[in-house]
Amino acid sequence: MSAKSKGSKRTYQSTELRQSATIEAVVQLCADQDPATLTTARIADEVGLSQGALFKHFPNKNRLWESVAGWVSEQLTSQVFREADQHELADQALEAMFLAHVGFIARHPGIPRLMLGELQKPGNGAAKTIIRQTLARYRKKVVGLLDLGMQQGRIAPGMDTEGAAVLYLGAIQGLVVQGMVSGEIANLEQAAPRIFKLYSASFQEKPDDPEK
C-alpha cells in the first residue's frame, strides 16, 4: 500500500471517529440540555474541537442532527429488535423488547428530548423524517408480534393490534415522561416489568362484541 493510500485511510478513520464522538456527545448533552438550545460551539467544546473543525466533519447543523437521528435509529432498533428475536413466543418477545427499550433510554436519557424536539419542529427535515420512519418501523414490529401471538395462542384472538401497538409505545413514552418529570430517568428499568405486566393483562381479554 502506498504512503498516500495509508494517509487517506488514516484520515478516513480519524473523520469517522470524530463523527462518532460528536454524535455521542450530542446524545449525552441532550440529557441535561434542551436540544433546541444546544449550539455547535457547545458541541465542539465537548469533543475538544473548534467550530471550524467541527464543520469539516458536518457541513452544517442540520446534517449533524440528521446523523444523530440516524445513530439513534440504528442503535435503538438493532438492540431492541435483537432482544425480541431471541424469543420464539411472541408475548415473551414483546416483553423483552419493552424492557430493552426502557433500558436503552435509561442508558441514554438524552434521546427522548432529542426525538421529541425533532418531532415538534415544523416541516419535514431529514432528522424528523428518520425519527418518524423509525417509529413506524417499530410499530410494525409490535403489530407483527401481536399477530404472531394470536397465531400461537398466546394472545386472545380478535385483538385490535394497531390499537395495542399504540398503547405499547404509549406505555414506554409515559414511563419515560414520568422519569423526566421526577428526574429519575435512570431508574426506569425498575418500574418497566410492572408496567409491562399491566399492559400484557390485555393479552387474554376477550374483545368487545361488535354487535353489542
Protein backbone atom coordinates (compact mmCIF):
# COMPACT_ATOMS: atom_id res chain seq x y z
CA MET A 1 0.00 0.00 0.00
CA SER A 2 1.40 3.42 -0.94
CA ALA A 3 2.07 6.12 1.63
CA LYS A 4 -0.71 8.17 0.06
CA SER A 5 -3.20 5.33 0.47
CA LYS A 6 -2.17 4.81 4.09
CA GLY A 7 -2.59 8.52 4.73
CA SER A 8 -6.04 8.54 3.16
CA LYS A 9 -7.09 5.56 5.27
CA ARG A 10 -5.88 7.25 8.45
CA THR A 11 -7.75 10.44 7.51
CA TYR A 12 -10.96 8.45 6.87
CA GLN A 13 -10.65 6.64 10.19
CA SER A 14 -9.98 9.91 12.00
CA THR A 15 -13.04 11.53 10.39
CA GLU A 16 -15.22 8.54 11.24
CA LEU A 17 -14.04 8.55 14.85
CA ARG A 18 -14.61 12.29 15.17
CA GLN A 19 -18.10 11.97 13.73
CA SER A 20 -18.93 9.12 16.10
CA ALA A 21 -17.58 11.02 19.11
CA THR A 22 -19.55 14.11 18.13
CA ILE A 23 -22.80 12.18 17.75
CA GLU A 24 -22.37 10.51 21.14
CA ALA A 25 -21.53 13.89 22.69
CA VAL A 26 -24.78 15.36 21.36
CA VAL A 27 -26.77 12.48 22.84
CA GLN A 28 -25.06 12.96 26.20
CA LEU A 29 -25.54 16.74 26.20
CA CYS A 30 -29.24 16.38 25.46
CA ALA A 31 -29.63 14.58 28.78
CA ASP A 32 -29.11 17.89 30.60
CA GLN A 33 -29.97 20.49 27.99
CA ASP A 34 -32.84 21.31 25.67
CA PRO A 35 -31.67 20.21 22.20
CA ALA A 36 -33.11 23.42 20.74
CA THR A 37 -30.62 25.48 22.77
CA LEU A 38 -27.63 23.27 22.04
CA THR A 39 -25.11 25.26 19.99
CA THR A 40 -22.37 23.99 17.72
CA ALA A 41 -19.90 25.89 19.93
CA ARG A 42 -21.02 23.84 22.96
CA ILE A 43 -20.83 20.60 20.99
CA ALA A 44 -17.40 21.42 19.60
CA ASP A 45 -16.14 22.25 23.09
CA GLU A 46 -17.45 18.94 24.40
CA VAL A 47 -15.42 16.94 21.87
CA GLY A 48 -12.36 19.20 22.00
CA LEU A 49 -12.72 20.75 18.56
CA SER A 50 -13.02 24.26 17.22
CA GLN A 51 -16.27 25.13 15.45
CA GLY A 52 -14.35 25.25 12.19
CA ALA A 53 -13.02 21.74 12.74
CA LEU A 54 -16.49 20.51 13.65
CA PHE A 55 -17.87 21.79 10.35
CA LYS A 56 -15.22 19.81 8.50
CA HIS A 57 -16.98 16.67 9.71
CA PHE A 58 -20.55 18.01 9.43
CA PRO A 59 -21.20 20.71 6.79
CA ASN A 60 -23.97 22.29 8.88
CA LYS A 61 -26.05 21.76 12.00
CA ASN A 62 -28.88 20.10 10.08
CA ARG A 63 -26.51 17.41 8.79
CA LEU A 64 -25.27 16.87 12.34
CA TRP A 65 -28.82 16.36 13.64
CA GLU A 66 -29.53 14.04 10.72
CA SER A 67 -26.51 11.93 11.67
CA VAL A 68 -27.56 11.89 15.33
CA ALA A 69 -31.08 10.78 14.37
CA GLY A 70 -29.60 8.04 12.18
CA TRP A 71 -27.43 6.83 15.05
CA VAL A 72 -30.38 6.76 17.45
CA SER A 73 -32.49 4.88 14.91
CA GLU A 74 -29.84 2.26 14.21
CA GLN A 75 -28.87 1.73 17.85
CA LEU A 76 -32.43 1.58 19.18
CA THR A 77 -33.87 -0.76 16.58
CA SER A 78 -30.86 -3.07 16.41
CA GLN A 79 -30.61 -3.51 20.18
CA VAL A 80 -34.34 -3.78 20.84
CA PHE A 81 -35.19 -6.00 17.87
CA ARG A 82 -32.25 -8.27 18.68
CA GLU A 83 -33.68 -8.90 22.13
CA ALA A 84 -37.10 -9.68 20.67
CA ASP A 85 -35.68 -12.05 18.06
CA GLN A 86 -34.18 -14.27 20.75
CA HIS A 87 -37.66 -15.47 21.76
CA GLU A 88 -39.93 -17.80 19.80
CA LEU A 89 -43.05 -16.95 21.79
CA ALA A 90 -44.46 -13.59 20.82
CA ASP A 91 -45.55 -12.46 24.28
CA GLN A 92 -42.04 -13.10 25.61
CA ALA A 93 -40.54 -11.28 22.63
CA LEU A 94 -42.77 -8.27 23.31
CA GLU A 95 -41.69 -8.20 26.95
CA ALA A 96 -38.01 -8.49 26.04
CA MET A 97 -38.42 -5.70 23.53
CA PHE A 98 -40.21 -3.49 26.07
CA LEU A 99 -37.55 -3.97 28.74
CA ALA A 100 -34.71 -3.49 26.26
CA HIS A 101 -36.25 -0.24 25.02
CA VAL A 102 -36.63 1.14 28.52
CA GLY A 103 -33.08 0.05 29.34
CA PHE A 104 -31.78 1.81 26.24
CA ILE A 105 -33.47 5.05 27.31
CA ALA A 106 -32.15 4.71 30.86
CA ARG A 107 -28.62 4.45 29.47
CA HIS A 108 -29.17 7.35 27.04
CA PRO A 109 -31.51 9.78 28.82
CA GLY A 110 -30.92 12.50 26.23
CA ILE A 111 -32.67 10.54 23.48
CA PRO A 112 -36.30 11.28 24.49
CA ARG A 113 -35.63 15.03 24.49
CA LEU A 114 -33.86 14.74 21.17
CA MET A 115 -36.65 12.76 19.48
CA LEU A 116 -39.47 14.88 20.89
CA GLY A 117 -37.61 18.05 19.94
CA GLU A 118 -37.27 16.95 16.34
CA LEU A 119 -40.88 15.78 16.06
CA GLN A 120 -42.12 19.17 17.28
CA LYS A 121 -40.22 21.10 14.61
CA PRO A 122 -42.26 22.43 11.68
CA GLY A 123 -41.68 20.97 8.24
CA ASN A 124 -40.17 17.63 7.33
CA GLY A 125 -36.44 17.85 7.87
CA ALA A 126 -34.17 14.86 7.37
CA ALA A 127 -33.77 14.15 11.11
CA LYS A 128 -37.53 14.35 11.69
CA THR A 129 -38.15 12.01 8.76
CA ILE A 130 -35.69 9.45 10.15
CA ILE A 131 -37.38 9.50 13.54
CA ARG A 132 -40.84 9.12 12.00
CA GLN A 133 -39.65 6.20 9.89
CA THR A 134 -38.07 4.59 12.96
CA LEU A 135 -41.29 4.84 14.95
CA ALA A 136 -43.27 3.43 12.01
CA ARG A 137 -40.86 0.50 11.71
CA TYR A 138 -41.05 -0.07 15.45
CA ARG A 139 -44.85 -0.04 15.41
CA LYS A 140 -44.84 -2.51 12.52
CA LYS A 141 -42.61 -4.84 14.55
CA VAL A 142 -45.00 -4.70 17.51
CA VAL A 143 -48.04 -5.35 15.31
CA GLY A 144 -46.25 -8.31 13.73
CA LEU A 145 -45.51 -9.82 17.14
CA LEU A 146 -49.10 -9.29 18.29
CA ASP A 147 -50.36 -11.07 15.18
CA LEU A 148 -47.89 -13.89 15.81
CA GLY A 149 -49.02 -14.11 19.42
CA MET A 150 -52.60 -14.67 18.29
CA GLN A 151 -51.45 -17.40 15.89
CA GLN A 152 -49.54 -19.08 18.73
CA GLY A 153 -52.49 -18.86 21.09
CA ARG A 154 -50.51 -16.63 23.46
CA ILE A 155 -52.75 -13.63 22.82
CA ALA A 156 -56.55 -13.67 22.67
CA PRO A 157 -57.84 -13.72 19.08
CA GLY A 158 -59.50 -10.62 17.71
CA MET A 159 -57.21 -8.13 19.42
CA ASP A 160 -57.02 -4.67 17.84
CA THR A 161 -53.33 -4.95 17.02
CA GLU A 162 -52.97 -1.39 15.72
CA GLY A 163 -54.51 0.00 18.89
CA ALA A 164 -52.44 -2.35 21.05
CA ALA A 165 -49.25 -1.19 19.30
CA VAL A 166 -50.15 2.44 20.05
CA LEU A 167 -50.74 1.50 23.68
CA TYR A 168 -47.43 -0.39 23.78
CA LEU A 169 -45.47 2.65 22.63
CA GLY A 170 -47.59 4.90 24.82
CA ALA A 171 -46.69 2.84 27.89
CA ILE A 172 -42.99 3.31 27.17
CA GLN A 173 -43.39 7.02 26.40
CA GLY A 174 -45.48 7.58 29.51
CA LEU A 175 -42.91 5.83 31.66
CA VAL A 176 -40.16 7.96 30.15
CA VAL A 177 -42.08 11.21 30.66
CA GLN A 178 -42.67 10.32 34.30
CA GLY A 179 -38.97 9.67 34.66
CA MET A 180 -38.15 13.05 33.13
CA VAL A 181 -40.63 14.81 35.43
CA SER A 182 -39.28 13.11 38.56
CA GLY A 183 -35.66 13.44 37.46
CA GLU A 184 -35.18 9.69 37.96
CA ILE A 185 -34.99 8.51 34.37
CA ALA A 186 -32.02 6.29 35.24
CA ASN A 187 -34.35 4.23 37.45
CA LEU A 188 -36.89 3.42 34.73
CA GLU A 189 -35.76 -0.19 34.47
CA GLN A 190 -37.07 -0.90 37.97
CA ALA A 191 -40.62 0.09 37.00
CA ALA A 192 -40.63 -1.39 33.48
CA PRO A 193 -41.53 -5.02 34.40
CA ARG A 194 -44.52 -3.86 36.44
CA ILE A 195 -45.78 -1.61 33.63
CA PHE A 196 -45.44 -4.37 31.05
CA LYS A 197 -47.35 -6.76 33.32
CA LEU A 198 -50.26 -4.31 33.35
CA TYR A 199 -50.07 -3.96 29.56
CA SER A 200 -49.89 -7.72 28.97
CA ALA A 201 -53.02 -8.30 31.05
CA SER A 202 -54.93 -7.32 27.93
CA PHE A 203 -53.46 -10.29 26.02
CA GLN A 204 -56.06 -12.68 27.39
CA GLU A 205 -59.02 -10.31 27.47
CA LYS A 206 -61.85 -11.13 25.11
CA PRO A 207 -62.53 -8.35 22.59
CA ASP A 208 -65.80 -6.45 22.84
CA ASP A 209 -68.71 -7.97 20.96
CA PRO A 210 -69.26 -5.63 18.00
CA GLU A 211 -72.97 -6.49 17.97
CA LYS A 212 -73.50 -5.18 21.50
